[in-house]
All heavy atoms as atom14 arrays in JSON, in Angstrom:
{
  "sequence": "YLHMSSLNAEDTAVYYCAADLAFPMNVLLTSATAYEFWGQG",
  "atom14_mask": [
    [1, 1, 1, 1, 1, 1, 1, 1, 1, 1, 1, 1, 0, 0],
    [1, 1, 1, 1, 1, 1, 1, 1, 0, 0, 0, 0, 0, 0],
    [1, 1, 1, 1, 1, 1, 1, 1, 1, 1, 0, 0, 0, 0],
    [1, 1, 1, 1, 1, 1, 1, 1, 0, 0, 0, 0, 0, 0],
    [1, 1, 1, 1, 1, 1, 0, 0, 0, 0, 0, 0, 0, 0],
    [1, 1, 1, 1, 1, 1, 0, 0, 0, 0, 0, 0, 0, 0],
    [1, 1, 1, 1, 1, 1, 1, 1, 0, 0, 0, 0, 0, 0],
    [1, 1, 1, 1, 1, 1, 1, 1, 0, 0, 0, 0, 0, 0],
    [1, 1, 1, 1, 1, 0, 0, 0, 0, 0, 0, 0, 0, 0],
    [1, 1, 1, 1, 1, 1, 1, 1, 1, 0, 0, 0, 0, 0],
    [1, 1, 1, 1, 1, 1, 1, 1, 0, 0, 0, 0, 0, 0],
    [1, 1, 1, 1, 1, 1, 1, 0, 0, 0, 0, 0, 0, 0],
    [1, 1, 1, 1, 1, 0, 0, 0, 0, 0, 0, 0, 0, 0],
    [1, 1, 1, 1, 1, 1, 1, 0, 0, 0, 0, 0, 0, 0],
    [1, 1, 1, 1, 1, 1, 1, 1, 1, 1, 1, 1, 0, 0],
    [1, 1, 1, 1, 1, 1, 1, 1, 1, 1, 1, 1, 0, 0],
    [1, 1, 1, 1, 1, 1, 0, 0, 0, 0, 0, 0, 0, 0],
    [1, 1, 1, 1, 1, 0, 0, 0, 0, 0, 0, 0, 0, 0],
    [1, 1, 1, 1, 1, 0, 0, 0, 0, 0, 0, 0, 0, 0],
    [1, 1, 1, 1, 1, 1, 1, 1, 0, 0, 0, 0, 0, 0],
    [1, 1, 1, 1, 1, 1, 1, 1, 0, 0, 0, 0, 0, 0],
    [1, 1, 1, 1, 1, 0, 0, 0, 0, 0, 0, 0, 0, 0],
    [1, 1, 1, 1, 1, 1, 1, 1, 1, 1, 1, 0, 0, 0],
    [1, 1, 1, 1, 1, 1, 1, 0, 0, 0, 0, 0, 0, 0],
    [1, 1, 1, 1, 1, 1, 1, 1, 0, 0, 0, 0, 0, 0],
    [1, 1, 1, 1, 1, 1, 1, 1, 0, 0, 0, 0, 0, 0],
    [1, 1, 1, 1, 1, 1, 1, 0, 0, 0, 0, 0, 0, 0],
    [1, 1, 1, 1, 1, 1, 1, 1, 0, 0, 0, 0, 0, 0],
    [1, 1, 1, 1, 1, 1, 1, 1, 0, 0, 0, 0, 0, 0],
    [1, 1, 1, 1, 1, 1, 1, 0, 0, 0, 0, 0, 0, 0],
    [1, 1, 1, 1, 1, 1, 0, 0, 0, 0, 0, 0, 0, 0],
    [1, 1, 1, 1, 1, 0, 0, 0, 0, 0, 0, 0, 0, 0],
    [1, 1, 1, 1, 1, 1, 1, 0, 0, 0, 0, 0, 0, 0],
    [1, 1, 1, 1, 1, 0, 0, 0, 0, 0, 0, 0, 0, 0],
    [1, 1, 1, 1, 1, 1, 1, 1, 1, 1, 1, 1, 0, 0],
    [1, 1, 1, 1, 1, 1, 1, 1, 1, 0, 0, 0, 0, 0],
    [1, 1, 1, 1, 1, 1, 1, 1, 1, 1, 1, 0, 0, 0],
    [1, 1, 1, 1, 1, 1, 1, 1, 1, 1, 1, 1, 1, 1],
    [1, 1, 1, 1, 0, 0, 0, 0, 0, 0, 0, 0, 0, 0],
    [1, 1, 1, 1, 1, 1, 1, 1, 1, 0, 0, 0, 0, 0],
    [1, 1, 1, 1, 0, 0, 0, 0, 0, 0, 0, 0, 0, 0]
  ],
  "atom14_positions": [
    [[8.23, -1.18, 4.55], [8.69, -2.32, 3.63], [7.62, -3.33, 3.32], [6.61, -3.35, 4.02], [9.8, -3.01, 4.36], [11.0, -2.24, 4.85], [11.04, -1.71, 6.14], [12.06, -1.97, 4.06], [12.1, -0.95, 6.63], [13.15, -1.28, 4.44], [13.23, -0.76, 5.72], [14.27, -0.02, 6.11], [0.0, 0.0, 0.0], [0.0, 0.0, 0.0]],
    [[7.75, -3.93, 2.15], [6.9, -5.06, 1.84], [7.81, -6.24, 1.52], [8.4, -6.22, 0.39], [6.04, -4.63, 0.67], [5.03, -5.74, 0.32], [4.07, -5.92, 1.38], [4.26, -5.39, -1.02], [0.0, 0.0, 0.0], [0.0, 0.0, 0.0], [0.0, 0.0, 0.0], [0.0, 0.0, 0.0], [0.0, 0.0, 0.0], [0.0, 0.0, 0.0]],
    [[7.87, -7.19, 2.36], [8.63, -8.37, 1.98], [7.77, -9.44, 1.28], [6.73, -9.8, 2.02], [9.33, -8.85, 3.28], [10.3, -10.04, 2.98], [9.77, -11.46, 2.92], [11.53, -10.05, 2.68], [10.95, -12.18, 2.62], [11.98, -11.34, 2.62], [0.0, 0.0, 0.0], [0.0, 0.0, 0.0], [0.0, 0.0, 0.0], [0.0, 0.0, 0.0]],
    [[8.21, -9.9, 0.16], [7.38, -10.79, -0.57], [8.09, -11.97, -0.88], [9.3, -12.07, -1.23], [7.07, -10.12, -2.04], [6.45, -8.66, -2.01], [5.95, -8.04, -3.56], [7.67, -7.73, -4.18], [0.0, 0.0, 0.0], [0.0, 0.0, 0.0], [0.0, 0.0, 0.0], [0.0, 0.0, 0.0], [0.0, 0.0, 0.0], [0.0, 0.0, 0.0]],
    [[7.38, -13.14, -0.57], [8.01, -14.55, -0.83], [6.98, -15.28, -1.57], [5.89, -15.04, -1.84], [8.44, -15.05, 0.5], [7.34, -15.27, 1.35], [0.0, 0.0, 0.0], [0.0, 0.0, 0.0], [0.0, 0.0, 0.0], [0.0, 0.0, 0.0], [0.0, 0.0, 0.0], [0.0, 0.0, 0.0], [0.0, 0.0, 0.0], [0.0, 0.0, 0.0]],
    [[7.56, -16.47, -2.0], [6.79, -17.42, -2.74], [6.09, -16.73, -3.94], [4.82, -16.92, -4.28], [5.83, -18.17, -1.93], [6.45, -18.84, -0.96], [0.0, 0.0, 0.0], [0.0, 0.0, 0.0], [0.0, 0.0, 0.0], [0.0, 0.0, 0.0], [0.0, 0.0, 0.0], [0.0, 0.0, 0.0], [0.0, 0.0, 0.0], [0.0, 0.0, 0.0]],
    [[6.78, -15.9, -4.65], [6.27, -15.08, -5.73], [5.81, -15.96, -6.93], [6.53, -17.01, -7.15], [7.19, -14.1, -6.15], [7.28, -12.82, -5.14], [8.62, -12.06, -5.41], [6.06, -11.91, -5.17], [0.0, 0.0, 0.0], [0.0, 0.0, 0.0], [0.0, 0.0, 0.0], [0.0, 0.0, 0.0], [0.0, 0.0, 0.0], [0.0, 0.0, 0.0]],
    [[4.73, -15.56, -7.48], [4.29, -16.32, -8.83], [3.9, -15.24, -9.73], [3.94, -13.99, -9.48], [3.15, -17.14, -8.51], [1.95, -16.49, -7.83], [1.39, -15.54, -8.4], [1.59, -16.8, -6.58], [0.0, 0.0, 0.0], [0.0, 0.0, 0.0], [0.0, 0.0, 0.0], [0.0, 0.0, 0.0], [0.0, 0.0, 0.0], [0.0, 0.0, 0.0]],
    [[3.63, -15.73, -10.96], [3.39, -14.84, -12.18], [2.19, -13.82, -11.79], [2.25, -12.65, -12.24], [3.03, -15.65, -13.34], [0.0, 0.0, 0.0], [0.0, 0.0, 0.0], [0.0, 0.0, 0.0], [0.0, 0.0, 0.0], [0.0, 0.0, 0.0], [0.0, 0.0, 0.0], [0.0, 0.0, 0.0], [0.0, 0.0, 0.0], [0.0, 0.0, 0.0]],
    [[1.15, -14.3, -11.06], [0.13, -13.42, -10.86], [0.53, -12.21, -9.89], [-0.26, -11.25, -9.65], [-0.98, -14.25, -10.1], [-1.78, -15.08, -10.96], [-0.95, -16.41, -11.3], [-0.2, -16.83, -10.54], [-1.01, -16.69, -12.6], [0.0, 0.0, 0.0], [0.0, 0.0, 0.0], [0.0, 0.0, 0.0], [0.0, 0.0, 0.0], [0.0, 0.0, 0.0]],
    [[1.72, -12.28, -9.24], [2.18, -11.13, -8.44], [2.85, -10.01, -9.32], [3.21, -8.97, -8.89], [3.14, -11.56, -7.45], [2.54, -12.54, -6.41], [1.44, -12.2, -5.91], [3.18, -13.68, -6.12], [0.0, 0.0, 0.0], [0.0, 0.0, 0.0], [0.0, 0.0, 0.0], [0.0, 0.0, 0.0], [0.0, 0.0, 0.0], [0.0, 0.0, 0.0]],
    [[2.97, -10.29, -10.62], [3.61, -9.25, -11.55], [2.69, -8.08, -11.64], [1.54, -8.2, -11.96], [3.72, -9.88, -12.94], [4.71, -10.98, -12.85], [4.33, -8.89, -13.89], [0.0, 0.0, 0.0], [0.0, 0.0, 0.0], [0.0, 0.0, 0.0], [0.0, 0.0, 0.0], [0.0, 0.0, 0.0], [0.0, 0.0, 0.0], [0.0, 0.0, 0.0]],
    [[3.21, -6.9, -11.36], [2.59, -5.64, -11.28], [3.46, -4.57, -11.01], [4.6, -4.75, -10.59], [1.37, -5.63, -10.29], [0.0, 0.0, 0.0], [0.0, 0.0, 0.0], [0.0, 0.0, 0.0], [0.0, 0.0, 0.0], [0.0, 0.0, 0.0], [0.0, 0.0, 0.0], [0.0, 0.0, 0.0], [0.0, 0.0, 0.0], [0.0, 0.0, 0.0]],
    [[2.86, -3.36, -11.05], [3.52, -2.16, -10.53], [3.02, -2.01, -9.13], [1.83, -2.0, -8.87], [3.31, -0.82, -11.32], [3.97, 0.41, -10.7], [3.76, -1.02, -12.75], [0.0, 0.0, 0.0], [0.0, 0.0, 0.0], [0.0, 0.0, 0.0], [0.0, 0.0, 0.0], [0.0, 0.0, 0.0], [0.0, 0.0, 0.0], [0.0, 0.0, 0.0]],
    [[4.04, -1.85, -8.19], [3.68, -1.75, -6.79], [3.84, -0.29, -6.27], [4.87, 0.28, -6.52], [4.58, -2.77, -5.93], [4.16, -4.2, -6.06], [4.3, -4.81, -7.18], [3.6, -4.8, -4.98], [3.88, -6.24, -7.25], [3.02, -6.1, -5.11], [3.27, -6.77, -6.22], [2.89, -8.2, -6.33], [0.0, 0.0, 0.0], [0.0, 0.0, 0.0]],
    [[2.75, 0.13, -5.64], [2.73, 1.46, -5.14], [2.65, 1.51, -3.66], [1.85, 0.76, -2.93], [1.59, 2.22, -5.72], [1.48, 2.28, -7.12], [0.83, 1.38, -7.96], [2.02, 3.5, -7.8], [0.79, 1.5, -9.28], [2.02, 3.56, -9.27], [1.32, 2.57, -9.94], [1.3, 2.64, -11.46], [0.0, 0.0, 0.0], [0.0, 0.0, 0.0]],
    [[3.38, 2.37, -2.97], [3.12, 2.6, -1.47], [2.3, 3.87, -1.42], [2.22, 4.75, -2.31], [4.43, 2.72, -0.72], [5.41, 4.21, -0.91], [0.0, 0.0, 0.0], [0.0, 0.0, 0.0], [0.0, 0.0, 0.0], [0.0, 0.0, 0.0], [0.0, 0.0, 0.0], [0.0, 0.0, 0.0], [0.0, 0.0, 0.0], [0.0, 0.0, 0.0]],
    [[1.49, 3.93, -0.36], [0.63, 5.01, -0.03], [0.66, 5.34, 1.46], [1.03, 4.45, 2.22], [-0.77, 4.6, -0.49], [0.0, 0.0, 0.0], [0.0, 0.0, 0.0], [0.0, 0.0, 0.0], [0.0, 0.0, 0.0], [0.0, 0.0, 0.0], [0.0, 0.0, 0.0], [0.0, 0.0, 0.0], [0.0, 0.0, 0.0], [0.0, 0.0, 0.0]],
    [[0.31, 6.67, 1.69], [0.41, 7.1, 3.16], [-0.92, 7.94, 3.36], [-1.37, 8.72, 2.45], [1.57, 7.94, 3.42], [0.0, 0.0, 0.0], [0.0, 0.0, 0.0], [0.0, 0.0, 0.0], [0.0, 0.0, 0.0], [0.0, 0.0, 0.0], [0.0, 0.0, 0.0], [0.0, 0.0, 0.0], [0.0, 0.0, 0.0], [0.0, 0.0, 0.0]],
    [[-1.35, 7.9, 4.6], [-2.37, 8.76, 5.01], [-2.32, 9.13, 6.51], [-1.83, 8.24, 7.39], [-3.76, 8.05, 4.81], [-4.85, 9.0, 4.82], [-5.03, 9.86, 3.91], [-5.7, 9.05, 5.76], [0.0, 0.0, 0.0], [0.0, 0.0, 0.0], [0.0, 0.0, 0.0], [0.0, 0.0, 0.0], [0.0, 0.0, 0.0], [0.0, 0.0, 0.0]],
    [[-2.36, 10.43, 6.74], [-2.28, 10.85, 8.17], [-3.45, 10.38, 9.06], [-4.57, 11.01, 8.98], [-2.28, 12.52, 8.12], [-2.01, 13.06, 9.54], [-0.79, 12.55, 10.12], [-2.1, 14.63, 9.39], [0.0, 0.0, 0.0], [0.0, 0.0, 0.0], [0.0, 0.0, 0.0], [0.0, 0.0, 0.0], [0.0, 0.0, 0.0], [0.0, 0.0, 0.0]],
    [[-3.21, 9.31, 9.68], [-4.35, 8.77, 10.48], [-4.32, 9.0, 11.94], [-5.34, 8.95, 12.66], [-4.26, 7.15, 10.4], [0.0, 0.0, 0.0], [0.0, 0.0, 0.0], [0.0, 0.0, 0.0], [0.0, 0.0, 0.0], [0.0, 0.0, 0.0], [0.0, 0.0, 0.0], [0.0, 0.0, 0.0], [0.0, 0.0, 0.0], [0.0, 0.0, 0.0]],
    [[-3.1, 9.46, 12.48], [-2.93, 9.77, 13.95], [-3.97, 10.88, 14.29], [-4.17, 11.75, 13.6], [-1.56, 10.42, 14.09], [-1.26, 10.6, 15.57], [-0.74, 9.67, 16.38], [-1.4, 11.94, 15.98], [-0.41, 10.1, 17.76], [-1.18, 12.23, 17.35], [-0.65, 11.4, 18.22], [0.0, 0.0, 0.0], [0.0, 0.0, 0.0], [0.0, 0.0, 0.0]],
    [[-4.66, 10.55, 15.44], [-4.33, 9.57, 16.52], [-5.25, 8.27, 16.26], [-5.11, 7.38, 16.94], [-4.76, 10.35, 17.78], [-5.9, 11.15, 17.33], [-5.52, 11.7, 15.94], [0.0, 0.0, 0.0], [0.0, 0.0, 0.0], [0.0, 0.0, 0.0], [0.0, 0.0, 0.0], [0.0, 0.0, 0.0], [0.0, 0.0, 0.0], [0.0, 0.0, 0.0]],
    [[-6.12, 8.29, 15.35], [-6.82, 7.07, 15.16], [-5.99, 5.85, 14.58], [-5.41, 5.93, 13.57], [-8.05, 7.23, 14.06], [-9.02, 8.31, 14.43], [-10.3, 8.68, 13.26], [-9.28, 9.33, 11.88], [0.0, 0.0, 0.0], [0.0, 0.0, 0.0], [0.0, 0.0, 0.0], [0.0, 0.0, 0.0], [0.0, 0.0, 0.0], [0.0, 0.0, 0.0]],
    [[-6.01, 4.85, 15.34], [-5.13, 3.72, 15.0], [-5.96, 2.76, 14.17], [-6.37, 1.66, 14.53], [-4.69, 2.98, 16.27], [-3.38, 2.2, 16.14], [-2.58, 2.55, 15.28], [-3.28, 1.2, 16.92], [0.0, 0.0, 0.0], [0.0, 0.0, 0.0], [0.0, 0.0, 0.0], [0.0, 0.0, 0.0], [0.0, 0.0, 0.0], [0.0, 0.0, 0.0]],
    [[-6.16, 3.06, 12.84], [-6.92, 2.32, 12.0], [-6.18, 1.73, 10.94], [-5.0, 2.07, 10.67], [-8.07, 3.32, 11.37], [-9.08, 3.77, 12.45], [-7.55, 4.43, 10.6], [0.0, 0.0, 0.0], [0.0, 0.0, 0.0], [0.0, 0.0, 0.0], [0.0, 0.0, 0.0], [0.0, 0.0, 0.0], [0.0, 0.0, 0.0], [0.0, 0.0, 0.0]],
    [[-6.76, 0.89, 10.14], [-6.26, 0.34, 8.93], [-7.07, 0.65, 7.85], [-8.31, 0.69, 7.94], [-6.2, -1.35, 9.0], [-5.28, -1.95, 10.19], [-5.47, -3.27, 10.43], [-3.74, -1.63, 9.64], [0.0, 0.0, 0.0], [0.0, 0.0, 0.0], [0.0, 0.0, 0.0], [0.0, 0.0, 0.0], [0.0, 0.0, 0.0], [0.0, 0.0, 0.0]],
    [[-6.53, 0.99, 6.68], [-7.33, 1.26, 5.58], [-7.0, 0.41, 4.29], [-5.8, 0.29, 4.02], [-7.1, 2.76, 5.19], [-7.47, 3.78, 6.2], [-7.1, 5.22, 5.8], [-8.96, 3.83, 6.5], [0.0, 0.0, 0.0], [0.0, 0.0, 0.0], [0.0, 0.0, 0.0], [0.0, 0.0, 0.0], [0.0, 0.0, 0.0], [0.0, 0.0, 0.0]],
    [[-7.99, -0.17, 3.7], [-7.73, -1.05, 2.48], [-8.16, -0.57, 1.2], [-7.99, -0.97, 0.2], [-8.39, -2.41, 2.87], [-9.81, -2.18, 2.84], [-7.92, -3.05, 4.01], [0.0, 0.0, 0.0], [0.0, 0.0, 0.0], [0.0, 0.0, 0.0], [0.0, 0.0, 0.0], [0.0, 0.0, 0.0], [0.0, 0.0, 0.0], [0.0, 0.0, 0.0]],
    [[-8.86, 0.64, 1.28], [-9.27, 1.3, 0.11], [-8.38, 2.33, -0.48], [-7.97, 3.2, 0.24], [-10.72, 2.01, 0.3], [-11.04, 2.77, -0.86], [0.0, 0.0, 0.0], [0.0, 0.0, 0.0], [0.0, 0.0, 0.0], [0.0, 0.0, 0.0], [0.0, 0.0, 0.0], [0.0, 0.0, 0.0], [0.0, 0.0, 0.0], [0.0, 0.0, 0.0]],
    [[-8.01, 2.26, -1.72], [-7.04, 3.15, -2.41], [-7.48, 4.63, -2.18], [-6.69, 5.65, -2.1], [-6.76, 2.84, -3.84], [0.0, 0.0, 0.0], [0.0, 0.0, 0.0], [0.0, 0.0, 0.0], [0.0, 0.0, 0.0], [0.0, 0.0, 0.0], [0.0, 0.0, 0.0], [0.0, 0.0, 0.0], [0.0, 0.0, 0.0], [0.0, 0.0, 0.0]],
    [[-8.85, 4.86, -2.29], [-9.39, 6.19, -2.15], [-9.11, 6.9, -0.77], [-9.31, 8.1, -0.7], [-10.81, 6.27, -2.52], [-11.57, 5.35, -1.63], [-11.07, 5.79, -4.01], [0.0, 0.0, 0.0], [0.0, 0.0, 0.0], [0.0, 0.0, 0.0], [0.0, 0.0, 0.0], [0.0, 0.0, 0.0], [0.0, 0.0, 0.0], [0.0, 0.0, 0.0]],
    [[-8.8, 6.02, 0.13], [-8.6, 6.61, 1.56], [-7.26, 7.1, 1.67], [-7.09, 7.89, 2.7], [-8.84, 5.5, 2.56], [0.0, 0.0, 0.0], [0.0, 0.0, 0.0], [0.0, 0.0, 0.0], [0.0, 0.0, 0.0], [0.0, 0.0, 0.0], [0.0, 0.0, 0.0], [0.0, 0.0, 0.0], [0.0, 0.0, 0.0], [0.0, 0.0, 0.0]],
    [[-6.29, 6.9, 0.8], [-4.96, 7.38, 0.97], [-4.77, 8.63, 0.2], [-5.15, 8.77, -0.94], [-3.98, 6.25, 0.46], [-3.87, 5.09, 1.39], [-4.77, 4.09, 1.27], [-2.84, 4.9, 2.25], [-4.76, 2.92, 2.14], [-2.86, 3.8, 3.15], [-3.76, 2.88, 3.06], [-3.7, 1.83, 3.87], [0.0, 0.0, 0.0], [0.0, 0.0, 0.0]],
    [[-4.08, 9.62, 0.92], [-3.76, 10.97, 0.29], [-2.6, 10.98, -0.51], [-2.5, 11.64, -1.51], [-3.74, 11.99, 1.39], [-3.56, 13.38, 0.8], [-3.7, 14.43, 1.9], [-3.84, 14.12, 3.07], [-3.56, 15.68, 1.57], [0.0, 0.0, 0.0], [0.0, 0.0, 0.0], [0.0, 0.0, 0.0], [0.0, 0.0, 0.0], [0.0, 0.0, 0.0]],
    [[-1.48, 10.19, -0.1], [-0.28, 10.4, -0.78], [0.21, 9.18, -1.4], [-0.01, 7.97, -0.83], [0.83, 10.85, 0.3], [0.46, 12.14, 0.93], [-0.06, 12.11, 2.32], [0.61, 13.41, 0.22], [-0.34, 13.4, 2.82], [0.36, 14.59, 0.88], [-0.21, 14.56, 2.12], [0.0, 0.0, 0.0], [0.0, 0.0, 0.0], [0.0, 0.0, 0.0]],
    [[0.88, 9.15, -2.65], [1.18, 7.96, -3.35], [2.67, 8.13, -3.84], [3.1, 9.27, -4.23], [0.34, 7.81, -4.47], [-1.1, 7.38, -4.01], [-2.05, 8.14, -3.67], [-1.6, 6.0, -3.99], [-3.21, 7.33, -3.24], [-2.89, 5.98, -3.49], [-0.96, 4.73, -4.29], [-3.67, 4.89, -3.29], [-1.75, 3.68, -4.06], [-3.07, 3.8, -3.54]],
    [[3.34, 6.97, -3.93], [4.66, 7.05, -4.6], [4.42, 6.75, -6.16], [3.31, 6.7, -6.6], [0.0, 0.0, 0.0], [0.0, 0.0, 0.0], [0.0, 0.0, 0.0], [0.0, 0.0, 0.0], [0.0, 0.0, 0.0], [0.0, 0.0, 0.0], [0.0, 0.0, 0.0], [0.0, 0.0, 0.0], [0.0, 0.0, 0.0], [0.0, 0.0, 0.0]],
    [[5.51, 6.76, -6.88], [5.46, 6.67, -8.33], [5.44, 5.25, -8.84], [5.12, 4.96, -9.98], [6.71, 7.38, -8.97], [7.95, 6.41, -9.0], [8.63, 6.17, -7.58], [8.35, 6.98, -6.56], [9.57, 5.25, -7.51], [0.0, 0.0, 0.0], [0.0, 0.0, 0.0], [0.0, 0.0, 0.0], [0.0, 0.0, 0.0], [0.0, 0.0, 0.0]],
    [[5.65, 4.23, -7.94], [5.51, 2.85, -8.25], [6.87, 2.24, -8.6], [7.67, 2.88, -9.21], [0.0, 0.0, 0.0], [0.0, 0.0, 0.0], [0.0, 0.0, 0.0], [0.0, 0.0, 0.0], [0.0, 0.0, 0.0], [0.0, 0.0, 0.0], [0.0, 0.0, 0.0], [0.0, 0.0, 0.0], [0.0, 0.0, 0.0], [0.0, 0.0, 0.0]]
  ]
}
């Protein structure tokens, strides 16, 4: 889930979720190129 509050015009966009098989490394990834799977938005 992504709960969004106090939204403003700058938040207008197509939002995509992404997934990557990270187990067992408990890491965080902020680069889009690091994610293998994507939704349609």
